[in-house]
Every structure is written in structure tokens, then in C-alpha cells.
Amino acid sequence: MGLIAGRTCSRVSCKSHATMTLTYFYSESRAVLGPIATFSEPHAYDLCERHAARLTVPNGWSVERESLPDEGIGPSEDDLMAIADAVREVARNTDEPLSPSVNPNLSNVGRRGHLRAVPS
């Protein structure tokens, strides 16, 4: 499953950048059109702005349209600062490496766990 970057509209022959995700709830006869999902799902459809605006559903179905966020997609600056503070706190509390005698399960681990960056 791909991340948000580089996803195109699910409509045939449309090469526009997807900005919305359409999901059907068949049991409720409802379609939900909202901001693009973090990961592409096999039963959801990514749509560009033009196709999202022209969306129609079968008779008897309802459409729930959620608006795009004004500030953009992704974590806010407050979210990033909270993560950075949590990492700093953990680093302060783990200045001394754990010896295998403290936790015998760590004796088989070649290194301590580390955070890694995931490209967006």
C-alpha cells in the first residue's frame, strides 16, 4: 500500500493528483468523501478535486462530504514538538545502558531499539 505522496485519481485515464478518498458503506447505503487517506486501501477510491466535485451516488444513497483541512495534511507543529519532547525524556531516562543481568530478554538483542525516520 502506498503513502499519500504520488497517488493519482482512481478514475480511468485521469492523471491528476488525488486529494480526496471515497469510501462506500454498502450496509448503510452511504458514501463518504473526505480528505485523502494516509494509505491507499483496496476498497477505497482516491479522487482528484474535479472528480470529487462531480461525484454522484445511486438513488436512495446518501453522501457525506468532509471538507479538506485548511492547514494541510500531516502532523501539526504541536504534534511534532510533543514527539520531540517524548524522545528527549526517554533519552534522559536511558543514559545508562541496561546490562543483560537486569533484563535477561535483552541478552539476545544485538542493539537497543532506536527511532528511525520514515519518508513521507
PDB file of N, CA and C in Angstrom:
ATOM      1  N   MET A   1       0.834  -1.182   0.000  1.00  0.00           N
ATOM      2  CA  MET A   1       0.000   0.000   0.000  1.00  0.00           C
ATOM      3  C   MET A   1       0.879   1.245   0.000  1.00  0.00           C
ATOM      4  N   GLY A   2       0.555   2.204  -0.841  1.00  0.00           N
ATOM      5  CA  GLY A   2       1.399   3.380  -0.950  1.00  0.00           C
ATOM      6  C   GLY A   2       0.995   4.497  -0.009  1.00  0.00           C
ATOM      7  N   LEU A   3       1.940   5.350   0.291  1.00  0.00           N
ATOM      8  CA  LEU A   3       1.666   6.516   1.105  1.00  0.00           C
ATOM      9  C   LEU A   3       1.036   7.600   0.246  1.00  0.00           C
ATOM     10  N   ILE A   4       0.667   8.702   0.861  1.00  0.00           N
ATOM     11  CA  ILE A   4      -0.040   9.785   0.203  1.00  0.00           C
ATOM     12  C   ILE A   4       0.719  10.313  -1.009  1.00  0.00           C
ATOM     13  N   ALA A   5       2.022  10.491  -0.909  1.00  0.00           N
ATOM     14  CA  ALA A   5       2.800  11.107  -1.977  1.00  0.00           C
ATOM     15  C   ALA A   5       2.678  10.317  -3.268  1.00  0.00           C
ATOM     16  N   GLY A   6       2.350  11.028  -4.361  1.00  0.00           N
ATOM     17  CA  GLY A   6       2.352  10.415  -5.667  1.00  0.00           C
ATOM     18  C   GLY A   6       1.093   9.663  -6.053  1.00  0.00           C
ATOM     19  N   ARG A   7       0.053   9.666  -5.261  1.00  0.00           N
ATOM     20  CA  ARG A   7      -1.156   8.943  -5.630  1.00  0.00           C
ATOM     21  C   ARG A   7      -1.959   9.774  -6.612  1.00  0.00           C
ATOM     22  N   THR A   8      -2.500   9.080  -7.612  1.00  0.00           N
ATOM     23  CA  THR A   8      -3.297   9.762  -8.622  1.00  0.00           C
ATOM     24  C   THR A   8      -4.763   9.364  -8.489  1.00  0.00           C
ATOM     25  N   CYS A   9      -5.591  10.075  -9.199  1.00  0.00           N
ATOM     26  CA  CYS A   9      -7.029   9.840  -9.195  1.00  0.00           C
ATOM     27  C   CYS A   9      -7.327   8.419  -9.671  1.00  0.00           C
ATOM     28  N   SER A  10      -8.302   7.772  -9.048  1.00  0.00           N
ATOM     29  CA  SER A  10      -8.684   6.400  -9.399  1.00  0.00           C
ATOM     30  C   SER A  10      -9.507   6.319 -10.672  1.00  0.00           C
ATOM     31  N   ARG A  11     -10.027   7.437 -11.158  1.00  0.00           N
ATOM     32  CA  ARG A  11     -10.832   7.418 -12.380  1.00  0.00           C
ATOM     33  C   ARG A  11      -9.960   7.044 -13.569  1.00  0.00           C
ATOM     34  N   VAL A  12     -10.508   6.229 -14.454  1.00  0.00           N
ATOM     35  CA  VAL A  12      -9.780   5.757 -15.627  1.00  0.00           C
ATOM     36  C   VAL A  12      -9.310   6.941 -16.471  1.00  0.00           C
ATOM     37  N   SER A  13      -8.079   6.907 -16.881  1.00  0.00           N
ATOM     38  CA  SER A  13      -7.401   7.888 -17.735  1.00  0.00           C
ATOM     39  C   SER A  13      -7.212   9.259 -17.094  1.00  0.00           C
ATOM     40  N   CYS A  14      -7.499   9.421 -15.812  1.00  0.00           N
ATOM     41  CA  CYS A  14      -7.243  10.692 -15.121  1.00  0.00           C
ATOM     42  C   CYS A  14      -5.869  10.598 -14.455  1.00  0.00           C
ATOM     43  N   LYS A  15      -5.014  11.526 -14.751  1.00  0.00           N
ATOM     44  CA  LYS A  15      -3.655  11.541 -14.205  1.00  0.00           C
ATOM     45  C   LYS A  15      -3.472  12.633 -13.155  1.00  0.00           C
ATOM     46  N   SER A  16      -4.569  13.247 -12.698  1.00  0.00           N
ATOM     47  CA  SER A  16      -4.482  14.329 -11.718  1.00  0.00           C
ATOM     48  C   SER A  16      -4.125  13.781 -10.340  1.00  0.00           C
ATOM     49  N   HIS A  17      -3.544  14.643  -9.515  1.00  0.00           N
ATOM     50  CA  HIS A  17      -3.158  14.293  -8.149  1.00  0.00           C
ATOM     51  C   HIS A  17      -4.416  14.098  -7.291  1.00  0.00           C
ATOM     52  N   ALA A  18      -4.481  12.997  -6.565  1.00  0.00           N
ATOM     53  CA  ALA A  18      -5.638  12.718  -5.703  1.00  0.00           C
ATOM     54  C   ALA A  18      -5.592  13.573  -4.443  1.00  0.00           C
ATOM     55  N   THR A  19      -6.746  14.120  -4.066  1.00  0.00           N
ATOM     56  CA  THR A  19      -6.842  14.938  -2.857  1.00  0.00           C
ATOM     57  C   THR A  19      -7.921  14.436  -1.902  1.00  0.00           C
ATOM     58  N   MET A  20      -8.800  13.550  -2.365  1.00  0.00           N
ATOM     59  CA  MET A  20      -9.915  13.050  -1.568  1.00  0.00           C
ATOM     60  C   MET A  20      -9.973  11.528  -1.666  1.00  0.00           C
ATOM     61  N   THR A  21     -10.555  10.895  -0.649  1.00  0.00           N
ATOM     62  CA  THR A  21     -10.770   9.449  -0.674  1.00  0.00           C
ATOM     63  C   THR A  21     -12.255   9.171  -0.526  1.00  0.00           C
ATOM     64  N   LEU A  22     -12.774   8.304  -1.396  1.00  0.00           N
ATOM     65  CA  LEU A  22     -14.178   7.914  -1.398  1.00  0.00           C
ATOM     66  C   LEU A  22     -14.285   6.494  -0.846  1.00  0.00           C
ATOM     67  N   THR A  23     -15.154   6.330   0.145  1.00  0.00           N
ATOM     68  CA  THR A  23     -15.392   5.020   0.733  1.00  0.00           C
ATOM     69  C   THR A  23     -16.890   4.752   0.736  1.00  0.00           C
ATOM     70  N   TYR A  24     -17.270   3.548   0.345  1.00  0.00           N
ATOM     71  CA  TYR A  24     -18.676   3.155   0.340  1.00  0.00           C
ATOM     72  C   TYR A  24     -18.983   2.291   1.552  1.00  0.00           C
ATOM     73  N   PHE A  25     -20.133   2.550   2.187  1.00  0.00           N
ATOM     74  CA  PHE A  25     -20.650   1.715   3.258  1.00  0.00           C
ATOM     75  C   PHE A  25     -21.955   1.114   2.736  1.00  0.00           C
ATOM     76  N   TYR A  26     -21.817  -0.060   2.141  1.00  0.00           N
ATOM     77  CA  TYR A  26     -22.941  -0.693   1.447  1.00  0.00           C
ATOM     78  C   TYR A  26     -24.100  -1.004   2.382  1.00  0.00           C
ATOM     79  N   SER A  27     -23.814  -1.437   3.611  1.00  0.00           N
ATOM     80  CA  SER A  27     -24.887  -1.805   4.535  1.00  0.00           C
ATOM     81  C   SER A  27     -25.739  -0.611   4.936  1.00  0.00           C
ATOM     82  N   GLU A  28     -25.169   0.604   4.841  1.00  0.00           N
ATOM     83  CA  GLU A  28     -25.891   1.818   5.213  1.00  0.00           C
ATOM     84  C   GLU A  28     -26.315   2.639   3.997  1.00  0.00           C
ATOM     85  N   SER A  29     -26.009   2.149   2.796  1.00  0.00           N
ATOM     86  CA  SER A  29     -26.283   2.895   1.560  1.00  0.00           C
ATOM     87  C   SER A  29     -25.748   4.319   1.666  1.00  0.00           C
ATOM     88  N   ARG A  30     -24.460   4.408   2.041  1.00  0.00           N
ATOM     89  CA  ARG A  30     -23.848   5.714   2.286  1.00  0.00           C
ATOM     90  C   ARG A  30     -22.461   5.744   1.671  1.00  0.00           C
ATOM     91  N   ALA A  31     -22.102   6.882   1.091  1.00  0.00           N
ATOM     92  CA  ALA A  31     -20.762   7.117   0.570  1.00  0.00           C
ATOM     93  C   ALA A  31     -20.139   8.259   1.366  1.00  0.00           C
ATOM     94  N   VAL A  32     -18.871   8.097   1.745  1.00  0.00           N
ATOM     95  CA  VAL A  32     -18.169   9.135   2.495  1.00  0.00           C
ATOM     96  C   VAL A  32     -16.999   9.618   1.649  1.00  0.00           C
ATOM     97  N   LEU A  33     -16.965  10.922   1.421  1.00  0.00           N
ATOM     98  CA  LEU A  33     -15.901  11.552   0.661  1.00  0.00           C
ATOM     99  C   LEU A  33     -15.174  12.504   1.595  1.00  0.00           C
ATOM    100  N   GLY A  34     -13.923  12.199   1.885  1.00  0.00           N
ATOM    101  CA  GLY A  34     -13.167  13.011   2.832  1.00  0.00           C
ATOM    102  C   GLY A  34     -11.745  13.228   2.369  1.00  0.00           C
ATOM    103  N   PRO A  35     -10.923  13.859   3.214  1.00  0.00           N
ATOM    104  CA  PRO A  35      -9.520  14.089   2.869  1.00  0.00           C
ATOM    105  C   PRO A  35      -8.833  12.763   2.537  1.00  0.00           C
ATOM    106  N   ILE A  36      -7.824  12.829   1.713  1.00  0.00           N
ATOM    107  CA  ILE A  36      -7.156  11.617   1.258  1.00  0.00           C
ATOM    108  C   ILE A  36      -6.640  10.809   2.451  1.00  0.00           C
ATOM    109  N   ALA A  37      -6.841   9.515   2.385  1.00  0.00           N
ATOM    110  CA  ALA A  37      -6.422   8.622   3.462  1.00  0.00           C
ATOM    111  C   ALA A  37      -4.903   8.498   3.484  1.00  0.00           C
ATOM    112  N   THR A  38      -4.362   8.176   4.642  1.00  0.00           N
ATOM    113  CA  THR A  38      -2.923   8.041   4.798  1.00  0.00           C
ATOM    114  C   THR A  38      -2.363   6.948   3.899  1.00  0.00           C
ATOM    115  N   PHE A  39      -3.054   5.815   3.834  1.00  0.00           N
ATOM    116  CA  PHE A  39      -2.621   4.703   2.993  1.00  0.00           C
ATOM    117  C   PHE A  39      -3.730   4.377   2.001  1.00  0.00           C
ATOM    118  N   SER A  40      -3.338   3.956   0.811  1.00  0.00           N
ATOM    119  CA  SER A  40      -4.349   3.558  -0.162  1.00  0.00           C
ATOM    120  C   SER A  40      -4.917   2.205   0.256  1.00  0.00           C
ATOM    121  N   GLU A  41      -6.217   2.100   0.236  1.00  0.00           N
ATOM    122  CA  GLU A  41      -6.915   0.881   0.620  1.00  0.00           C
ATOM    123  C   GLU A  41      -7.541   0.266  -0.626  1.00  0.00           C
ATOM    124  N   PRO A  42      -7.628  -1.067  -0.672  1.00  0.00           N
ATOM    125  CA  PRO A  42      -8.171  -1.699  -1.879  1.00  0.00           C
ATOM    126  C   PRO A  42      -9.652  -1.413  -2.119  1.00  0.00           C
ATOM    127  N   HIS A  43     -10.411  -1.060  -1.081  1.00  0.00           N
ATOM    128  CA  HIS A  43     -11.847  -0.835  -1.244  1.00  0.00           C
ATOM    129  C   HIS A  43     -12.223   0.640  -1.125  1.00  0.00           C
ATOM    130  N   ALA A  44     -11.241   1.509  -1.301  1.00  0.00           N
ATOM    131  CA  ALA A  44     -11.478   2.947  -1.284  1.00  0.00           C
ATOM    132  C   ALA A  44     -10.935   3.523  -2.590  1.00  0.00           C
ATOM    133  N   TYR A  45     -11.444   4.671  -2.978  1.00  0.00           N
ATOM    134  CA  TYR A  45     -11.072   5.280  -4.244  1.00  0.00           C
ATOM    135  C   TYR A  45     -10.518   6.674  -3.998  1.00  0.00           C
ATOM    136  N   ASP A  46      -9.333   6.947  -4.515  1.00  0.00           N
ATOM    137  CA  ASP A  46      -8.734   8.268  -4.408  1.00  0.00           C
ATOM    138  C   ASP A  46      -9.189   9.092  -5.601  1.00  0.00           C
ATOM    139  N   LEU A  47      -9.664  10.307  -5.334  1.00  0.00           N
ATOM    140  CA  LEU A  47     -10.195  11.163  -6.391  1.00  0.00           C
ATOM    141  C   LEU A  47      -9.508  12.521  -6.392  1.00  0.00           C
ATOM    142  N   CYS A  48      -9.380  13.104  -7.579  1.00  0.00           N
ATOM    143  CA  CYS A  48      -8.881  14.469  -7.698  1.00  0.00           C
ATOM    144  C   CYS A  48     -10.027  15.423  -7.344  1.00  0.00           C
ATOM    145  N   GLU A  49      -9.714  16.711  -7.267  1.00  0.00           N
ATOM    146  CA  GLU A  49     -10.747  17.692  -6.903  1.00  0.00           C
ATOM    147  C   GLU A  49     -11.890  17.721  -7.906  1.00  0.00           C
ATOM    148  N   ARG A  50     -11.569  17.617  -9.189  1.00  0.00           N
ATOM    149  CA  ARG A  50     -12.608  17.691 -10.225  1.00  0.00           C
ATOM    150  C   ARG A  50     -13.582  16.521 -10.107  1.00  0.00           C
ATOM    151  N   HIS A  51     -13.061  15.306  -9.974  1.00  0.00           N
ATOM    152  CA  HIS A  51     -13.949  14.149  -9.886  1.00  0.00           C
ATOM    153  C   HIS A  51     -14.669  14.074  -8.532  1.00  0.00           C
ATOM    154  N   ALA A  52     -14.057  14.570  -7.483  1.00  0.00           N
ATOM    155  CA  ALA A  52     -14.726  14.605  -6.184  1.00  0.00           C
ATOM    156  C   ALA A  52     -15.921  15.557  -6.219  1.00  0.00           C
ATOM    157  N   ALA A  53     -15.772  16.688  -6.918  1.00  0.00           N
ATOM    158  CA  ALA A  53     -16.859  17.660  -7.010  1.00  0.00           C
ATOM    159  C   ALA A  53     -18.020  17.131  -7.851  1.00  0.00           C
ATOM    160  N   ARG A  54     -17.732  16.250  -8.816  1.00  0.00           N
ATOM    161  CA  ARG A  54     -18.772  15.742  -9.717  1.00  0.00           C
ATOM    162  C   ARG A  54     -19.349  14.397  -9.260  1.00  0.00           C
ATOM    163  N   LEU A  55     -19.019  13.954  -8.058  1.00  0.00           N
ATOM    164  CA  LEU A  55     -19.452  12.650  -7.558  1.00  0.00           C
ATOM    165  C   LEU A  55     -20.976  12.544  -7.466  1.00  0.00           C
ATOM    166  N   THR A  56     -21.517  11.466  -7.986  1.00  0.00           N
ATOM    167  CA  THR A  56     -22.928  11.143  -7.809  1.00  0.00           C
ATOM    168  C   THR A  56     -23.015   9.721  -7.274  1.00  0.00           C
ATOM    169  N   VAL A  57     -24.088   9.415  -6.560  1.00  0.00           N
ATOM    170  CA  VAL A  57     -24.284   8.079  -5.985  1.00  0.00           C
ATOM    171  C   VAL A  57     -25.641   7.543  -6.439  1.00  0.00           C
ATOM    172  N   PRO A  58     -25.873   6.252  -6.297  1.00  0.00           N
ATOM    173  CA  PRO A  58     -27.155   5.671  -6.715  1.00  0.00           C
ATOM    174  C   PRO A  58     -28.344   6.275  -5.956  1.00  0.00           C
ATOM    175  N   ASN A  59     -29.526   6.196  -6.543  1.00  0.00           N
ATOM    176  CA  ASN A  59     -30.743   6.674  -5.880  1.00  0.00           C
ATOM    177  C   ASN A  59     -30.913   5.960  -4.547  1.00  0.00           C
ATOM    178  N   GLY A  60     -31.305   6.706  -3.528  1.00  0.00           N
ATOM    179  CA  GLY A  60     -31.507   6.147  -2.202  1.00  0.00           C
ATOM    180  C   GLY A  60     -30.258   6.169  -1.332  1.00  0.00           C
ATOM    181  N   TRP A  61     -29.128   6.509  -1.905  1.00  0.00           N
ATOM    182  CA  TRP A  61     -27.882   6.593  -1.147  1.00  0.00           C
ATOM    183  C   TRP A  61     -27.674   8.022  -0.660  1.00  0.00           C
ATOM    184  N   SER A  62     -26.936   8.158   0.432  1.00  0.00           N
ATOM    185  CA  SER A  62     -26.571   9.483   0.925  1.00  0.00           C
ATOM    186  C   SER A  62     -25.068   9.673   0.769  1.00  0.00           C
ATOM    187  N   VAL A  63     -24.664  10.926   0.644  1.00  0.00           N
ATOM    188  CA  VAL A  63     -23.245  11.264   0.520  1.00  0.00           C
ATOM    189  C   VAL A  63     -22.865  12.141   1.703  1.00  0.00           C
ATOM    190  N   GLU A  64     -21.823  11.759   2.383  1.00  0.00           N
ATOM    191  CA  GLU A  64     -21.281  12.557   3.482  1.00  0.00           C
ATOM    192  C   GLU A  64     -19.977  13.159   2.980  1.00  0.00           C
ATOM    193  N   ARG A  65     -19.946  14.484   2.834  1.00  0.00           N
ATOM    194  CA  ARG A  65     -18.747  15.169   2.327  1.00  0.00           C
ATOM    195  C   ARG A  65     -18.044  15.880   3.472  1.00  0.00           C
ATOM    196  N   GLU A  66     -16.819  15.457   3.710  1.00  0.00           N
ATOM    197  CA  GLU A  66     -15.990  16.100   4.729  1.00  0.00           C
ATOM    198  C   GLU A  66     -15.058  17.062   4.017  1.00  0.00           C
ATOM    199  N   SER A  67     -14.844  18.222   4.578  1.00  0.00           N
ATOM    200  CA  SER A  67     -14.006  19.228   3.916  1.00  0.00           C
ATOM    201  C   SER A  67     -12.531  18.933   4.145  1.00  0.00           C
ATOM    202  N   LEU A  68     -11.716  19.461   3.228  1.00  0.00           N
ATOM    203  CA  LEU A  68     -10.271  19.327   3.365  1.00  0.00           C
ATOM    204  C   LEU A  68      -9.791  20.211   4.505  1.00  0.00           C
ATOM    205  N   PRO A  69      -8.769  19.770   5.241  1.00  0.00           N
ATOM    206  CA  PRO A  69      -8.237  20.616   6.311  1.00  0.00           C
ATOM    207  C   PRO A  69      -7.567  21.855   5.732  1.00  0.00           C
ATOM    208  N   ASP A  70      -7.724  22.984   6.413  1.00  0.00           N
ATOM    209  CA  ASP A  70      -7.137  24.241   5.945  1.00  0.00           C
ATOM    210  C   ASP A  70      -5.623  24.260   6.082  1.00  0.00           C
ATOM    211  N   GLU A  71      -5.113  23.632   7.134  1.00  0.00           N
ATOM    212  CA  GLU A  71      -3.686  23.723   7.412  1.00  0.00           C
ATOM    213  C   GLU A  71      -2.847  22.711   6.659  1.00  0.00           C
ATOM    214  N   GLY A  72      -3.437  21.848   5.899  1.00  0.00           N
ATOM    215  CA  GLY A  72      -2.667  20.870   5.134  1.00  0.00           C
ATOM    216  C   GLY A  72      -2.680  19.511   5.806  1.00  0.00           C
ATOM    217  N   ILE A  73      -2.089  18.561   5.131  1.00  0.00           N
ATOM    218  CA  ILE A  73      -2.076  17.192   5.611  1.00  0.00           C
ATOM    219  C   ILE A  73      -0.802  16.943   6.392  1.00  0.00           C
ATOM    220  N   GLY A  74      -0.922  16.204   7.466  1.00  0.00           N
ATOM    221  CA  GLY A  74       0.254  15.838   8.247  1.00  0.00           C
ATOM    222  C   GLY A  74       0.155  16.345   9.667  1.00  0.00           C
ATOM    223  N   PRO A  75       1.143  16.007  10.477  1.00  0.00           N
ATOM    224  CA  PRO A  75       1.113  16.418  11.878  1.00  0.00           C
ATOM    225  C   PRO A  75       1.333  17.927  12.011  1.00  0.00           C
ATOM    226  N   SER A  76       0.721  18.490  13.048  1.00  0.00           N
ATOM    227  CA  SER A  76       0.896  19.918  13.295  1.00  0.00           C
ATOM    228  C   SER A  76       2.238  20.151  13.987  1.00  0.00           C
ATOM    229  N   GLU A  77       2.625  21.398  14.110  1.00  0.00           N
ATOM    230  CA  GLU A  77       3.879  21.718  14.801  1.00  0.00           C
ATOM    231  C   GLU A  77       3.808  21.285  16.260  1.00  0.00           C
ATOM    232  N   ASP A  78       2.633  21.410  16.892  1.00  0.00           N
ATOM    233  CA  ASP A  78       2.465  20.953  18.271  1.00  0.00           C
ATOM    234  C   ASP A  78       2.668  19.445  18.385  1.00  0.00           C
ATOM    235  N   ASP A  79       2.162  18.680  17.407  1.00  0.00           N
ATOM    236  CA  ASP A  79       2.360  17.228  17.414  1.00  0.00           C
ATOM    237  C   ASP A  79       3.843  16.886  17.338  1.00  0.00           C
ATOM    238  N   LEU A  80       4.563  17.554  16.449  1.00  0.00           N
ATOM    239  CA  LEU A  80       5.990  17.279  16.286  1.00  0.00           C
ATOM    240  C   LEU A  80       6.774  17.651  17.535  1.00  0.00           C
ATOM    241  N   MET A  81       6.415  18.756  18.172  1.00  0.00           N
ATOM    242  CA  MET A  81       7.106  19.151  19.406  1.00  0.00           C
ATOM    243  C   MET A  81       6.826  18.160  20.536  1.00  0.00           C
ATOM    244  N   ALA A  82       5.616  17.625  20.605  1.00  0.00           N
ATOM    245  CA  ALA A  82       5.289  16.627  21.634  1.00  0.00           C
ATOM    246  C   ALA A  82       6.106  15.358  21.422  1.00  0.00           C
ATOM    247  N   ILE A  83       6.286  14.953  20.172  1.00  0.00           N
ATOM    248  CA  ILE A  83       7.100  13.771  19.881  1.00  0.00           C
ATOM    249  C   ILE A  83       8.555  14.031  20.257  1.00  0.00           C
ATOM    250  N   ALA A  84       9.070  15.203  19.901  1.00  0.00           N
ATOM    251  CA  ALA A  84      10.462  15.535  20.228  1.00  0.00           C
ATOM    252  C   ALA A  84      10.671  15.562  21.740  1.00  0.00           C
ATOM    253  N   ASP A  85       9.723  16.130  22.488  1.00  0.00           N
ATOM    254  CA  ASP A  85       9.830  16.157  23.946  1.00  0.00           C
ATOM    255  C   ASP A  85       9.819  14.750  24.530  1.00  0.00           C
ATOM    256  N   ALA A  86       8.978  13.871  23.986  1.00  0.00           N
ATOM    257  CA  ALA A  86       8.919  12.488  24.470  1.00  0.00           C
ATOM    258  C   ALA A  86      10.231  11.759  24.204  1.00  0.00           C
ATOM    259  N   VAL A  87      10.831  11.986  23.047  1.00  0.00           N
ATOM    260  CA  VAL A  87      12.119  11.347  22.716  1.00  0.00           C
ATOM    261  C   VAL A  87      13.205  11.854  23.647  1.00  0.00           C
ATOM    262  N   ARG A  88      13.228  13.164  23.905  1.00  0.00           N
ATOM    263  CA  ARG A  88      14.226  13.719  24.827  1.00  0.00           C
ATOM    264  C   ARG A  88      14.067  13.137  26.225  1.00  0.00           C
ATOM    265  N   GLU A  89      12.837  12.974  26.677  1.00  0.00           N
ATOM    266  CA  GLU A  89      12.582  12.421  28.008  1.00  0.00           C
ATOM    267  C   GLU A  89      13.077  10.980  28.102  1.00  0.00           C
ATOM    268  N   VAL A  90      12.822  10.192  27.087  1.00  0.00           N
ATOM    269  CA  VAL A  90      13.294   8.802  27.079  1.00  0.00           C
ATOM    270  C   VAL A  90      14.816   8.768  27.058  1.00  0.00           C
ATOM    271  N   ALA A  91      15.435   9.659  26.275  1.00  0.00           N
ATOM    272  CA  ALA A  91      16.900   9.696  26.209  1.00  0.00           C
ATOM    273  C   ALA A  91      17.503  10.058  27.562  1.00  0.00           C
ATOM    274  N   ARG A  92      16.878  10.954  28.294  1.00  0.00           N
ATOM    275  CA  ARG A  92      17.374  11.319  29.621  1.00  0.00           C
ATOM    276  C   ARG A  92      17.278  10.140  30.578  1.00  0.00           C
ATOM    277  N   ASN A  93      16.214   9.360  30.466  1.00  0.00           N
ATOM    278  CA  ASN A  93      15.990   8.248  31.392  1.00  0.00           C
ATOM    279  C   ASN A  93      16.786   6.998  31.037  1.00  0.00           C
ATOM    280  N   THR A  94      17.393   6.952  29.870  1.00  0.00           N
ATOM    281  CA  THR A  94      18.142   5.754  29.466  1.00  0.00           C
ATOM    282  C   THR A  94      19.605   6.082  29.223  1.00  0.00           C
ATOM    283  N   ASP A  95      20.191   6.980  30.034  1.00  0.00           N
ATOM    284  CA  ASP A  95      21.604   7.320  29.874  1.00  0.00           C
ATOM    285  C   ASP A  95      22.500   6.118  30.143  1.00  0.00           C
ATOM    286  N   GLU A  96      22.124   5.276  31.107  1.00  0.00           N
ATOM    287  CA  GLU A  96      22.909   4.083  31.409  1.00  0.00           C
ATOM    288  C   GLU A  96      22.348   2.912  30.615  1.00  0.00           C
ATOM    289  N   PRO A  97      23.218   2.209  29.863  1.00  0.00           N
ATOM    290  CA  PRO A  97      22.713   1.053  29.123  1.00  0.00           C
ATOM    291  C   PRO A  97      22.321  -0.068  30.079  1.00  0.00           C
ATOM    292  N   LEU A  98      21.291  -0.792  29.714  1.00  0.00           N
ATOM    293  CA  LEU A  98      20.836  -1.911  30.533  1.00  0.00           C
ATOM    294  C   LEU A  98      21.786  -3.084  30.353  1.00  0.00           C
ATOM    295  N   SER A  99      22.159  -3.712  31.451  1.00  0.00           N
ATOM    296  CA  SER A  99      23.004  -4.895  31.347  1.00  0.00           C
ATOM    297  C   SER A  99      22.114  -6.121  31.203  1.00  0.00           C
ATOM    298  N   PRO A 100      22.620  -7.205  30.581  1.00  0.00           N
ATOM    299  CA  PRO A 100      21.802  -8.413  30.417  1.00  0.00           C
ATOM    300  C   PRO A 100      21.326  -8.994  31.741  1.00  0.00           C
ATOM    301  N   SER A 101      22.046  -8.741  32.839  1.00  0.00           N
ATOM    302  CA  SER A 101      21.613  -9.280  34.125  1.00  0.00           C
ATOM    303  C   SER A 101      20.364  -8.579  34.644  1.00  0.00           C
ATOM    304  N   VAL A 102      20.155  -7.311  34.223  1.00  0.00           N
ATOM    305  CA  VAL A 102      18.969  -6.581  34.643  1.00  0.00           C
ATOM    306  C   VAL A 102      17.730  -7.151  33.959  1.00  0.00           C
ATOM    307  N   ASN A 103      17.851  -7.419  32.662  1.00  0.00           N
ATOM    308  CA  ASN A 103      16.739  -7.965  31.897  1.00  0.00           C
ATOM    309  C   ASN A 103      17.275  -9.077  31.005  1.00  0.00           C
ATOM    310  N   PRO A 104      17.074 -10.328  31.370  1.00  0.00           N
ATOM    311  CA  PRO A 104      17.641 -11.430  30.601  1.00  0.00           C
ATOM    312  C   PRO A 104      17.121 -11.507  29.167  1.00  0.00           C
ATOM    313  N   ASN A 105      15.959 -10.928  28.860  1.00  0.00           N
ATOM    314  CA  ASN A 105      15.432 -10.967  27.491  1.00  0.00           C
ATOM    315  C   ASN A 105      16.246 -10.105  26.540  1.00  0.00           C
ATOM    316  N   LEU A 106      16.990  -9.135  27.077  1.00  0.00           N
ATOM    317  CA  LEU A 106      17.776  -8.246  26.238  1.00  0.00           C
ATOM    318  C   LEU A 106      19.111  -8.862  25.844  1.00  0.00           C
ATOM    319  N   SER A 107      19.488  -9.985  26.406  1.00  0.00           N
ATOM    320  CA  SER A 107      20.786 -10.580  26.095  1.00  0.00           C
ATOM    321  C   SER A 107      20.858 -11.057  24.647  1.00  0.00           C
ATOM    322  N   ASN A 108      19.734 -11.371  24.031  1.00  0.00           N
ATOM    323  CA  ASN A 108      19.717 -11.835  22.653  1.00  0.00           C
ATOM    324  C   ASN A 108      19.598 -10.690  21.649  1.00  0.00           C
ATOM    325  N   VAL A 109      19.352  -9.487  22.118  1.00  0.00           N
ATOM    326  CA  VAL A 109      19.190  -8.347  21.231  1.00  0.00           C
ATOM    327  C   VAL A 109      20.559  -7.747  20.965  1.00  0.00           C
ATOM    328  N   GLY A 110      20.893  -7.548  19.684  1.00  0.00           N
ATOM    329  CA  GLY A 110      22.203  -7.032  19.313  1.00  0.00           C
ATOM    330  C   GLY A 110      22.375  -5.552  19.599  1.00  0.00           C
ATOM    331  N   ARG A 111      21.298  -4.798  19.687  1.00  0.00           N
ATOM    332  CA  ARG A 111      21.389  -3.367  19.958  1.00  0.00           C
ATOM    333  C   ARG A 111      20.100  -2.917  20.623  1.00  0.00           C
ATOM    334  N   ARG A 112      20.173  -1.741  21.204  1.00  0.00           N
ATOM    335  CA  ARG A 112      18.972  -1.163  21.802  1.00  0.00           C
ATOM    336  C   ARG A 112      18.073  -0.644  20.698  1.00  0.00           C
ATOM    337  N   GLY A 113      16.782  -0.555  20.976  1.00  0.00           N
ATOM    338  CA  GLY A 113      15.845  -0.037  19.975  1.00  0.00           C
ATOM    339  C   GLY A 113      16.104   1.418  19.694  1.00  0.00           C
ATOM    340  N   HIS A 114      15.907   1.841  18.458  1.00  0.00           N
ATOM    341  CA  HIS A 114      16.131   3.218  18.040  1.00  0.00           C
ATOM    342  C   HIS A 114      14.983   3.680  17.173  1.00  0.00           C
ATOM    343  N   LEU A 115      14.771   4.970  17.161  1.00  0.00           N
ATOM    344  CA  LEU A 115      13.792   5.557  16.261  1.00  0.00           C
ATOM    345  C   LEU A 115      14.412   5.657  14.883  1.00  0.00           C
ATOM    346  N   ARG A 116      13.606   5.602  13.858  1.00  0.00           N
ATOM    347  CA  ARG A 116      14.111   5.824  12.516  1.00  0.00           C
ATOM    348  C   ARG A 116      13.121   6.685  11.760  1.00  0.00           C
ATOM    349  N   ALA A 117      13.628   7.435  10.817  1.00  0.00           N
ATOM    350  CA  ALA A 117      12.790   8.328  10.011  1.00  0.00           C
ATOM    351  C   ALA A 117      12.128   7.532   8.910  1.00  0.00           C
ATOM    352  N   VAL A 118      10.858   7.831   8.664  1.00  0.00           N
ATOM    353  CA  VAL A 118      10.114   7.187   7.589  1.00  0.00           C
ATOM    354  C   VAL A 118       9.814   8.264   6.566  1.00  0.00           C
ATOM    355  N   PRO A 119      10.231   8.058   5.313  1.00  0.00           N
ATOM    356  CA  PRO A 119       9.985   9.109   4.308  1.00  0.00           C
ATOM    357  C   PRO A 119       8.494   9.286   4.054  1.00  0.00           C
ATOM    358  N   SER A 120       8.101  10.518   3.807  1.00  0.00           N
ATOM    359  CA  SER A 120       6.690  10.788   3.543  1.00  0.00           C
ATOM    360  C   SER A 120       6.399  10.792   2.080  1.00  0.00           C
TER     361      SER A 120
END
